[in-house]
N, C-alpha and C. Protein backbone atom coordinates (compact mmCIF):
# COMPACT_ATOMS: atom_id res chain seq x y z
N LEU A 1 -7.59 85.41 -2.33
CA LEU A 1 -9.00 85.30 -1.98
C LEU A 1 -9.52 86.61 -1.45
N ASP A 2 -10.65 87.02 -1.94
CA ASP A 2 -11.23 88.21 -1.34
C ASP A 2 -12.08 87.81 -0.14
N GLU A 3 -12.55 88.80 0.58
CA GLU A 3 -13.29 88.56 1.84
C GLU A 3 -14.53 87.73 1.62
N GLU A 4 -15.24 87.91 0.52
CA GLU A 4 -16.47 87.19 0.25
C GLU A 4 -16.18 85.69 0.06
N ASP A 5 -15.13 85.36 -0.64
CA ASP A 5 -14.72 83.95 -0.86
C ASP A 5 -14.36 83.28 0.46
N GLU A 6 -13.68 84.02 1.32
CA GLU A 6 -13.31 83.45 2.62
C GLU A 6 -14.54 83.12 3.46
N GLU A 7 -15.51 84.04 3.42
CA GLU A 7 -16.76 83.78 4.16
C GLU A 7 -17.48 82.56 3.62
N GLU A 8 -17.49 82.42 2.28
CA GLU A 8 -18.09 81.26 1.66
C GLU A 8 -17.43 79.95 2.07
N ASP A 9 -16.11 79.96 2.15
CA ASP A 9 -15.38 78.78 2.57
C ASP A 9 -15.67 78.44 4.04
N ASP A 10 -15.77 79.46 4.87
CA ASP A 10 -16.06 79.22 6.27
C ASP A 10 -17.46 78.65 6.46
N ALA A 11 -18.42 79.05 5.62
CA ALA A 11 -19.80 78.62 5.78
C ALA A 11 -20.00 77.21 5.23
N ALA A 12 -19.16 76.75 4.36
CA ALA A 12 -19.34 75.43 3.75
C ALA A 12 -18.51 74.39 4.51
N TYR A 13 -18.96 73.20 4.43
CA TYR A 13 -18.26 72.03 5.00
C TYR A 13 -17.78 71.15 3.87
N TRP A 14 -16.82 70.32 4.17
CA TRP A 14 -16.34 69.37 3.19
C TRP A 14 -16.72 67.98 3.64
N ILE A 15 -17.23 67.21 2.70
CA ILE A 15 -17.50 65.80 3.02
C ILE A 15 -16.76 64.95 1.98
N GLU A 16 -16.46 63.74 2.36
CA GLU A 16 -15.72 62.85 1.49
C GLU A 16 -16.70 61.98 0.74
N GLY A 17 -16.47 61.83 -0.58
CA GLY A 17 -17.31 61.01 -1.41
C GLY A 17 -16.88 59.54 -1.34
N THR A 18 -17.60 58.67 -2.03
CA THR A 18 -17.37 57.25 -1.96
C THR A 18 -16.00 56.85 -2.51
N THR A 19 -15.46 57.64 -3.38
CA THR A 19 -14.13 57.30 -3.96
C THR A 19 -13.01 58.15 -3.35
N GLY A 20 -13.31 58.80 -2.27
CA GLY A 20 -12.25 59.59 -1.59
C GLY A 20 -12.24 61.05 -1.92
N GLU A 21 -12.96 61.45 -2.99
CA GLU A 21 -12.97 62.86 -3.32
C GLU A 21 -13.80 63.64 -2.30
N GLU A 22 -13.55 64.91 -2.19
CA GLU A 22 -14.27 65.72 -1.27
C GLU A 22 -15.29 66.60 -1.97
N PHE A 23 -16.43 66.78 -1.35
CA PHE A 23 -17.50 67.62 -1.88
C PHE A 23 -17.83 68.70 -0.84
N ARG A 24 -18.16 69.87 -1.27
CA ARG A 24 -18.61 70.91 -0.39
C ARG A 24 -20.03 70.58 0.02
N SER A 25 -20.34 70.69 1.29
CA SER A 25 -21.70 70.41 1.73
C SER A 25 -21.99 71.13 3.05
N VAL A 26 -23.13 71.78 3.10
CA VAL A 26 -23.60 72.39 4.32
C VAL A 26 -24.24 71.37 5.23
N TRP A 27 -24.37 70.13 4.76
CA TRP A 27 -25.00 69.06 5.53
C TRP A 27 -24.08 68.35 6.46
N LYS A 28 -22.76 68.51 6.28
CA LYS A 28 -21.82 67.79 7.15
C LYS A 28 -22.04 68.21 8.58
N GLY A 29 -22.14 67.21 9.46
CA GLY A 29 -22.40 67.49 10.86
C GLY A 29 -23.87 67.59 11.22
N GLN A 30 -24.73 67.58 10.22
CA GLN A 30 -26.17 67.63 10.47
C GLN A 30 -26.68 66.20 10.65
N ARG A 31 -27.84 66.06 11.21
CA ARG A 31 -28.49 64.76 11.37
C ARG A 31 -29.33 64.52 10.11
N VAL A 32 -28.66 64.23 9.03
CA VAL A 32 -29.28 64.18 7.69
C VAL A 32 -30.36 63.10 7.65
N HIS A 33 -30.13 61.94 8.20
CA HIS A 33 -31.12 60.88 8.17
C HIS A 33 -32.38 61.29 8.91
N VAL A 34 -32.22 61.94 10.04
CA VAL A 34 -33.35 62.40 10.82
C VAL A 34 -34.11 63.47 10.05
N LEU A 35 -33.41 64.39 9.47
CA LEU A 35 -34.06 65.46 8.67
C LEU A 35 -34.77 64.86 7.49
N ALA A 36 -34.19 63.91 6.79
CA ALA A 36 -34.81 63.26 5.65
C ALA A 36 -36.06 62.54 6.09
N MET A 37 -36.01 61.78 7.17
CA MET A 37 -37.18 61.03 7.60
C MET A 37 -38.31 61.98 8.01
N ASN A 38 -37.97 63.09 8.68
CA ASN A 38 -38.98 64.08 9.04
C ASN A 38 -39.68 64.60 7.78
N ALA A 39 -38.92 64.88 6.74
CA ALA A 39 -39.49 65.37 5.51
C ALA A 39 -40.30 64.34 4.78
N LEU A 40 -39.81 63.11 4.71
CA LEU A 40 -40.50 62.02 3.99
C LEU A 40 -41.83 61.60 4.60
N LEU A 41 -41.92 61.69 5.93
CA LEU A 41 -43.11 61.24 6.60
C LEU A 41 -43.95 62.39 7.17
N ASP A 42 -43.69 63.57 6.71
CA ASP A 42 -44.46 64.74 7.16
C ASP A 42 -45.91 64.57 6.76
N ALA A 43 -46.84 64.91 7.64
CA ALA A 43 -48.27 64.76 7.35
C ALA A 43 -48.70 65.57 6.15
N LYS A 44 -47.97 66.63 5.77
CA LYS A 44 -48.32 67.45 4.63
C LYS A 44 -48.19 66.64 3.33
N ILE A 45 -47.44 65.54 3.37
CA ILE A 45 -47.25 64.71 2.19
C ILE A 45 -48.60 64.14 1.75
N THR A 46 -49.54 64.01 2.64
CA THR A 46 -50.86 63.49 2.28
C THR A 46 -51.59 64.39 1.30
N ASN A 47 -51.11 65.61 1.10
CA ASN A 47 -51.69 66.47 0.12
C ASN A 47 -51.22 66.21 -1.30
N LEU A 48 -50.19 65.41 -1.42
CA LEU A 48 -49.67 64.99 -2.73
C LEU A 48 -50.48 63.82 -3.26
N SER A 49 -50.32 63.52 -4.51
CA SER A 49 -51.06 62.41 -5.11
C SER A 49 -50.60 61.11 -4.50
N PRO A 50 -51.48 60.10 -4.47
CA PRO A 50 -51.14 58.83 -3.83
C PRO A 50 -49.90 58.17 -4.37
N HIS A 51 -49.65 58.22 -5.68
CA HIS A 51 -48.46 57.55 -6.21
C HIS A 51 -47.17 58.26 -5.74
N VAL A 52 -47.23 59.51 -5.41
CA VAL A 52 -46.09 60.22 -4.82
C VAL A 52 -45.94 59.83 -3.35
N GLN A 53 -47.02 59.73 -2.64
CA GLN A 53 -46.97 59.31 -1.23
C GLN A 53 -46.34 57.95 -1.12
N VAL A 54 -46.69 57.04 -2.02
CA VAL A 54 -46.13 55.66 -1.99
C VAL A 54 -44.63 55.75 -2.15
N VAL A 55 -44.14 56.57 -3.01
CA VAL A 55 -42.69 56.72 -3.20
C VAL A 55 -42.04 57.26 -1.98
N PHE A 56 -42.66 58.26 -1.34
CA PHE A 56 -42.10 58.82 -0.11
C PHE A 56 -42.00 57.77 1.00
N ILE A 57 -43.06 56.97 1.18
CA ILE A 57 -43.02 55.96 2.23
C ILE A 57 -41.97 54.90 1.93
N HIS A 58 -41.90 54.50 0.66
CA HIS A 58 -40.89 53.52 0.27
C HIS A 58 -39.49 54.06 0.52
N THR A 59 -39.29 55.29 0.17
CA THR A 59 -37.97 55.92 0.40
C THR A 59 -37.67 56.04 1.88
N ALA A 60 -38.69 56.30 2.70
CA ALA A 60 -38.50 56.34 4.14
C ALA A 60 -38.03 55.02 4.68
N MET A 61 -38.53 53.92 4.12
CA MET A 61 -38.05 52.61 4.55
C MET A 61 -36.58 52.45 4.22
N LYS A 62 -36.20 52.88 3.05
CA LYS A 62 -34.77 52.78 2.63
C LYS A 62 -33.88 53.65 3.51
N VAL A 63 -34.35 54.84 3.81
CA VAL A 63 -33.57 55.75 4.67
C VAL A 63 -33.40 55.12 6.04
N PHE A 64 -34.46 54.49 6.56
CA PHE A 64 -34.37 53.84 7.86
C PHE A 64 -33.29 52.74 7.86
N VAL A 65 -33.30 51.92 6.83
CA VAL A 65 -32.30 50.85 6.74
C VAL A 65 -30.90 51.43 6.71
N ARG A 66 -30.70 52.49 5.92
CA ARG A 66 -29.39 53.10 5.85
C ARG A 66 -29.01 53.75 7.17
N ALA A 67 -29.97 54.35 7.86
CA ALA A 67 -29.72 55.00 9.13
C ALA A 67 -29.25 53.96 10.14
N CYS A 68 -29.77 52.77 10.07
CA CYS A 68 -29.37 51.71 10.99
C CYS A 68 -27.85 51.41 10.87
N MET A 69 -27.33 51.64 9.67
CA MET A 69 -25.91 51.39 9.43
C MET A 69 -25.03 52.62 9.79
N ASP A 70 -25.59 53.82 9.64
CA ASP A 70 -24.80 55.02 9.72
C ASP A 70 -24.97 55.84 11.00
N CYS A 71 -26.06 55.68 11.70
CA CYS A 71 -26.43 56.62 12.75
C CYS A 71 -26.20 56.07 14.15
N SER A 72 -26.15 57.04 15.07
CA SER A 72 -26.02 56.68 16.49
C SER A 72 -27.39 56.23 17.02
N GLU A 73 -27.39 55.67 18.19
CA GLU A 73 -28.64 55.22 18.79
C GLU A 73 -29.60 56.37 19.02
N ASP A 74 -29.07 57.54 19.34
CA ASP A 74 -29.95 58.72 19.54
C ASP A 74 -30.63 59.15 18.25
N GLU A 75 -29.88 59.09 17.15
CA GLU A 75 -30.46 59.45 15.86
C GLU A 75 -31.51 58.44 15.43
N ILE A 76 -31.23 57.17 15.67
CA ILE A 76 -32.20 56.11 15.31
C ILE A 76 -33.45 56.28 16.18
N ALA A 77 -33.29 56.61 17.44
CA ALA A 77 -34.45 56.84 18.32
C ALA A 77 -35.28 58.02 17.80
N ALA A 78 -34.61 59.06 17.32
CA ALA A 78 -35.34 60.20 16.74
C ALA A 78 -36.11 59.81 15.49
N ILE A 79 -35.48 58.98 14.67
CA ILE A 79 -36.13 58.51 13.43
C ILE A 79 -37.35 57.65 13.79
N LEU A 80 -37.19 56.73 14.75
CA LEU A 80 -38.30 55.90 15.17
C LEU A 80 -39.43 56.74 15.79
N GLY A 81 -39.07 57.79 16.48
CA GLY A 81 -40.09 58.71 16.99
C GLY A 81 -40.94 59.32 15.87
N THR A 82 -40.23 59.71 14.79
CA THR A 82 -40.93 60.27 13.61
C THR A 82 -41.86 59.24 12.99
N VAL A 83 -41.33 58.03 12.80
CA VAL A 83 -42.14 56.97 12.25
C VAL A 83 -43.37 56.70 13.12
N ARG A 84 -43.11 56.55 14.38
CA ARG A 84 -44.21 56.26 15.33
C ARG A 84 -45.28 57.36 15.30
N LYS A 85 -44.85 58.59 15.20
CA LYS A 85 -45.78 59.71 15.25
C LYS A 85 -46.53 59.88 13.95
N ASN A 86 -45.92 59.59 12.78
CA ASN A 86 -46.48 59.97 11.52
C ASN A 86 -47.02 58.84 10.64
N ILE A 87 -46.65 57.60 10.89
CA ILE A 87 -47.02 56.55 9.98
C ILE A 87 -48.51 56.25 9.97
N ALA A 88 -49.16 56.50 11.08
CA ALA A 88 -50.59 56.19 11.19
C ALA A 88 -51.43 56.98 10.19
N VAL A 89 -51.06 58.23 9.94
CA VAL A 89 -51.81 59.05 9.01
C VAL A 89 -51.82 58.41 7.59
N PHE A 90 -50.72 57.78 7.21
CA PHE A 90 -50.63 57.09 5.91
C PHE A 90 -51.38 55.77 5.95
N MET A 91 -51.43 55.12 7.08
CA MET A 91 -52.16 53.87 7.23
C MET A 91 -53.68 54.09 7.12
N GLN A 92 -54.12 55.34 7.33
CA GLN A 92 -55.54 55.66 7.24
C GLN A 92 -55.91 56.26 5.91
N SER A 93 -55.00 56.22 4.97
CA SER A 93 -55.25 56.80 3.65
C SER A 93 -56.42 56.12 2.96
N GLN A 94 -57.09 56.84 2.07
CA GLN A 94 -58.12 56.26 1.25
C GLN A 94 -57.58 55.38 0.15
N ASN A 95 -56.28 55.60 -0.17
CA ASN A 95 -55.65 54.85 -1.23
C ASN A 95 -55.03 53.56 -0.68
N LEU A 96 -55.34 52.44 -1.30
CA LEU A 96 -54.89 51.14 -0.82
C LEU A 96 -53.37 50.97 -0.89
N GLU A 97 -52.75 51.49 -1.96
CA GLU A 97 -51.30 51.39 -2.07
C GLU A 97 -50.57 52.15 -0.97
N VAL A 98 -51.09 53.31 -0.66
CA VAL A 98 -50.49 54.10 0.44
C VAL A 98 -50.65 53.34 1.74
N GLN A 99 -51.83 52.81 1.99
CA GLN A 99 -52.04 52.00 3.20
C GLN A 99 -51.11 50.81 3.23
N GLU A 100 -50.96 50.13 2.09
CA GLU A 100 -50.09 48.97 2.05
C GLU A 100 -48.65 49.29 2.37
N ARG A 101 -48.13 50.35 1.80
CA ARG A 101 -46.72 50.71 2.08
C ARG A 101 -46.53 51.10 3.53
N ALA A 102 -47.48 51.88 4.05
CA ALA A 102 -47.36 52.30 5.47
C ALA A 102 -47.49 51.09 6.38
N SER A 103 -48.42 50.19 6.11
CA SER A 103 -48.61 49.02 6.92
C SER A 103 -47.36 48.08 6.85
N THR A 104 -46.84 47.98 5.66
CA THR A 104 -45.62 47.15 5.48
C THR A 104 -44.50 47.68 6.31
N PHE A 105 -44.30 48.97 6.31
CA PHE A 105 -43.23 49.61 7.12
C PHE A 105 -43.49 49.31 8.60
N ARG A 106 -44.72 49.50 9.04
CA ARG A 106 -45.02 49.25 10.44
C ARG A 106 -44.80 47.80 10.84
N TYR A 107 -45.27 46.88 9.99
CA TYR A 107 -45.16 45.45 10.32
C TYR A 107 -43.73 44.96 10.22
N LEU A 108 -42.92 45.50 9.32
CA LEU A 108 -41.52 45.17 9.29
C LEU A 108 -40.81 45.56 10.57
N LEU A 109 -41.10 46.73 11.08
CA LEU A 109 -40.51 47.18 12.34
C LEU A 109 -40.93 46.26 13.48
N ALA A 110 -42.17 45.85 13.46
CA ALA A 110 -42.65 44.94 14.50
C ALA A 110 -42.03 43.55 14.37
N GLU A 111 -41.95 43.06 13.16
CA GLU A 111 -41.42 41.73 12.92
C GLU A 111 -39.95 41.59 13.33
N PHE A 112 -39.21 42.64 13.16
CA PHE A 112 -37.81 42.64 13.60
C PHE A 112 -37.61 43.12 15.01
N ASP A 113 -38.69 43.19 15.79
CA ASP A 113 -38.66 43.63 17.17
C ASP A 113 -38.03 45.00 17.38
N ILE A 114 -38.22 45.85 16.41
CA ILE A 114 -37.72 47.23 16.53
C ILE A 114 -38.75 48.06 17.27
N LEU A 115 -40.01 47.87 16.92
CA LEU A 115 -41.12 48.50 17.65
C LEU A 115 -42.19 47.40 17.87
N PRO A 116 -42.82 47.39 19.03
CA PRO A 116 -43.86 46.37 19.26
C PRO A 116 -45.09 46.60 18.40
N MET A 117 -45.87 45.57 18.15
CA MET A 117 -47.07 45.70 17.33
C MET A 117 -48.07 46.68 17.88
N ASN A 118 -48.15 46.84 19.15
CA ASN A 118 -49.15 47.73 19.76
C ASN A 118 -48.64 49.16 19.92
N TRP A 119 -47.62 49.57 19.18
CA TRP A 119 -47.05 50.89 19.41
C TRP A 119 -47.88 52.03 18.78
N ALA A 120 -48.78 51.75 17.88
CA ALA A 120 -49.50 52.82 17.21
C ALA A 120 -50.64 53.35 18.03
């Protein structure tokens, strides 16, 4: 191995795939669910077309469910902070589908006593 290859190996991390194989990833050790939720619910997303916003919000719901299985309480708290901070902008959208997805996310969190109804 030359010096450049060694540096590359040091900079990369290894993660295990679903069937036991390992993949190189710079994401290992990162708060991936938190980073994903921050990106999916970023207010800049409102500049995209409504049908794309709907997909982002729907994906954010899926990431949240997965995070509940994979993440620590601190990470889930960070995710909920992002949701709490950013979901209102989507609920105020001019597009009804965007409003519906954002409202559904909010009301699901309230229904399962994850966040109270008056949190917004």
